[in-house]
Amino acid sequence: MLEFWWVAFAVVGLLLAIRLLGPGKFAQALEKARQTGEVAGIVAAVEAAPEKKHPNLWDQAISTLWQEYHREAALVLMVAAARRSDAPIVQFWLKKAMDVEPELVAEHFDEEFLEEYFRPEVAAKCGRVSCCM
């Protein structure tokens, strides 16, 4: 019987090590977005995470794509994030995009989208560091 428990602990330990050491779904989805512009995997990974982590994950993904000049993918992800989250950091990114890339924004954010999801009063109070996530 003792052998069974040792084997069980070894299997559980191995599974935990693989989970912790291997790239997670979020990291894999972010890499795919970098390579292809496809953000559906990021959206799925964020939605699968605990809700309290969503703002940080949206920020991490959008920030990475934005800073690496995958702006189209970042804008598509901003739209997905805004439709799923009222986190202030999403408002920060919408405002930043409108300020920095107005031509691209015009292609991705229509008037209806902005009326429904953009909260300028929230975006005005939110900075990258001072935003309540």
Protein backbone atom coordinates (compact mmCIF):
# COMPACT_ATOMS: atom_id res chain seq x y z
CA MET A 1 0.00 0.00 0.00
CA LEU A 2 2.89 2.33 0.75
CA GLU A 3 4.21 1.84 -2.77
CA PHE A 4 0.91 3.04 -4.18
CA TRP A 5 1.17 6.34 -2.29
CA TRP A 6 4.77 6.88 -3.41
CA VAL A 7 3.75 6.34 -7.02
CA ALA A 8 0.73 8.61 -6.59
CA PHE A 9 2.87 11.39 -5.07
CA ALA A 10 5.44 10.99 -7.85
CA VAL A 11 2.77 11.27 -10.55
CA VAL A 12 1.21 14.34 -8.93
CA GLY A 13 4.65 15.93 -8.54
CA LEU A 14 5.48 15.26 -12.16
CA LEU A 15 2.20 16.76 -13.34
CA LEU A 16 2.75 19.86 -11.20
CA ALA A 17 6.29 20.26 -12.50
CA ILE A 18 5.12 20.03 -16.10
CA ARG A 19 2.36 22.57 -15.41
CA LEU A 20 4.69 25.02 -13.67
CA LEU A 21 7.70 24.67 -15.97
CA GLY A 22 6.01 24.40 -19.32
CA PRO A 23 4.58 27.40 -21.12
CA GLY A 24 1.01 28.03 -20.11
CA LYS A 25 -1.94 28.53 -22.41
CA PHE A 26 -1.68 32.30 -22.00
CA ALA A 27 1.99 32.39 -23.02
CA GLN A 28 1.34 30.08 -25.97
CA ALA A 29 -1.61 32.20 -27.09
CA LEU A 30 0.43 35.38 -26.79
CA GLU A 31 3.20 33.86 -28.89
CA LYS A 32 0.65 32.81 -31.52
CA ALA A 33 -0.73 36.36 -31.59
CA ARG A 34 2.78 37.71 -32.12
CA GLN A 35 3.32 35.36 -35.04
CA THR A 36 -0.11 35.41 -36.70
CA GLY A 37 -2.15 38.28 -35.27
CA GLU A 38 -4.77 35.78 -34.03
CA VAL A 39 -5.98 36.77 -30.55
CA ALA A 40 -8.75 34.22 -29.91
CA GLY A 41 -6.37 32.08 -27.85
CA ILE A 42 -5.54 35.03 -25.60
CA VAL A 43 -9.22 35.75 -25.07
CA ALA A 44 -9.85 32.10 -24.18
CA ALA A 45 -6.87 32.00 -21.81
CA VAL A 46 -7.98 35.17 -20.02
CA GLU A 47 -11.53 33.91 -19.68
CA ALA A 48 -10.26 30.58 -18.29
CA ALA A 49 -8.23 32.36 -15.59
CA PRO A 50 -9.71 33.41 -12.25
CA GLU A 51 -11.68 36.63 -12.71
CA LYS A 52 -9.46 38.67 -10.39
CA LYS A 53 -6.54 38.04 -12.79
CA HIS A 54 -8.36 39.25 -15.89
CA PRO A 55 -7.31 42.94 -15.74
CA ASN A 56 -3.65 42.04 -15.34
CA LEU A 57 -3.80 39.49 -18.17
CA TRP A 58 -5.55 41.95 -20.51
CA ASP A 59 -2.88 44.52 -19.69
CA GLN A 60 -0.02 42.09 -20.13
CA ALA A 61 -1.24 40.86 -23.52
CA ILE A 62 -2.20 44.25 -24.93
CA SER A 63 0.99 45.85 -23.64
CA THR A 64 3.18 43.15 -25.15
CA LEU A 65 1.52 43.33 -28.55
CA TRP A 66 1.49 47.14 -28.50
CA GLN A 67 5.12 47.55 -27.48
CA GLU A 68 6.28 45.02 -30.06
CA TYR A 69 4.36 46.93 -32.75
CA HIS A 70 1.75 44.27 -33.37
CA ARG A 71 -0.73 47.14 -33.27
CA GLU A 72 -3.46 45.52 -35.36
CA ALA A 73 -3.55 42.51 -33.07
CA ALA A 74 -3.45 44.78 -30.01
CA LEU A 75 -6.45 46.74 -31.31
CA VAL A 76 -8.44 43.58 -32.00
CA LEU A 77 -7.61 42.41 -28.49
CA MET A 78 -8.68 45.78 -27.04
CA VAL A 79 -12.07 45.37 -28.69
CA ALA A 80 -12.42 41.86 -27.23
CA ALA A 81 -11.30 43.06 -23.80
CA ALA A 82 -13.67 46.03 -23.78
CA ARG A 83 -16.60 43.76 -24.63
CA ARG A 84 -15.73 41.44 -21.73
CA SER A 85 -14.30 43.68 -19.03
CA ASP A 86 -14.99 47.01 -17.39
CA ALA A 87 -11.48 47.10 -15.90
CA PRO A 88 -9.96 50.60 -15.93
CA ILE A 89 -6.79 49.31 -17.60
CA VAL A 90 -8.83 48.43 -20.68
CA GLN A 91 -10.03 52.04 -20.79
CA PHE A 92 -6.41 53.19 -20.52
CA TRP A 93 -5.50 51.13 -23.58
CA LEU A 94 -8.49 52.34 -25.61
CA LYS A 95 -7.49 55.96 -24.90
CA LYS A 96 -3.82 55.30 -25.65
CA ALA A 97 -4.72 53.72 -28.98
CA MET A 98 -6.93 56.66 -29.92
CA ASP A 99 -4.14 59.10 -29.05
CA VAL A 100 -1.27 57.24 -30.73
CA GLU A 101 -2.82 55.40 -33.70
CA PRO A 102 -5.93 57.35 -34.77
CA GLU A 103 -5.89 55.94 -38.32
CA LEU A 104 -5.81 52.33 -37.15
CA VAL A 105 -8.38 53.08 -34.47
CA ALA A 106 -10.76 54.38 -37.13
CA GLU A 107 -10.55 50.96 -38.79
CA HIS A 108 -11.25 48.99 -35.59
CA PHE A 109 -13.35 51.16 -33.28
CA ASP A 110 -16.56 52.34 -34.88
CA GLU A 111 -18.78 54.99 -33.35
CA GLU A 112 -21.18 52.40 -31.95
CA PHE A 113 -18.35 50.52 -30.23
CA LEU A 114 -16.96 53.70 -28.67
CA GLU A 115 -20.38 54.83 -27.46
CA GLU A 116 -21.04 51.50 -25.82
CA TYR A 117 -17.64 50.61 -24.38
CA PHE A 118 -15.36 53.65 -24.10
CA ARG A 119 -15.55 55.54 -20.79
CA PRO A 120 -13.47 58.73 -21.21
CA GLU A 121 -13.98 59.70 -17.55
CA VAL A 122 -12.39 56.41 -16.46
CA ALA A 123 -9.61 56.62 -19.05
CA ALA A 124 -8.77 60.17 -17.91
CA LYS A 125 -8.14 58.95 -14.35
CA CYS A 126 -6.15 55.92 -15.38
CA GLY A 127 -2.48 55.66 -16.22
CA ARG A 128 -0.38 52.58 -16.79
CA VAL A 129 1.03 52.70 -13.26
CA SER A 130 -1.80 54.42 -11.44
CA CYS A 131 -4.66 52.48 -12.95
CA CYS A 132 -6.66 50.36 -10.59
CA MET A 133 -6.60 46.92 -12.16
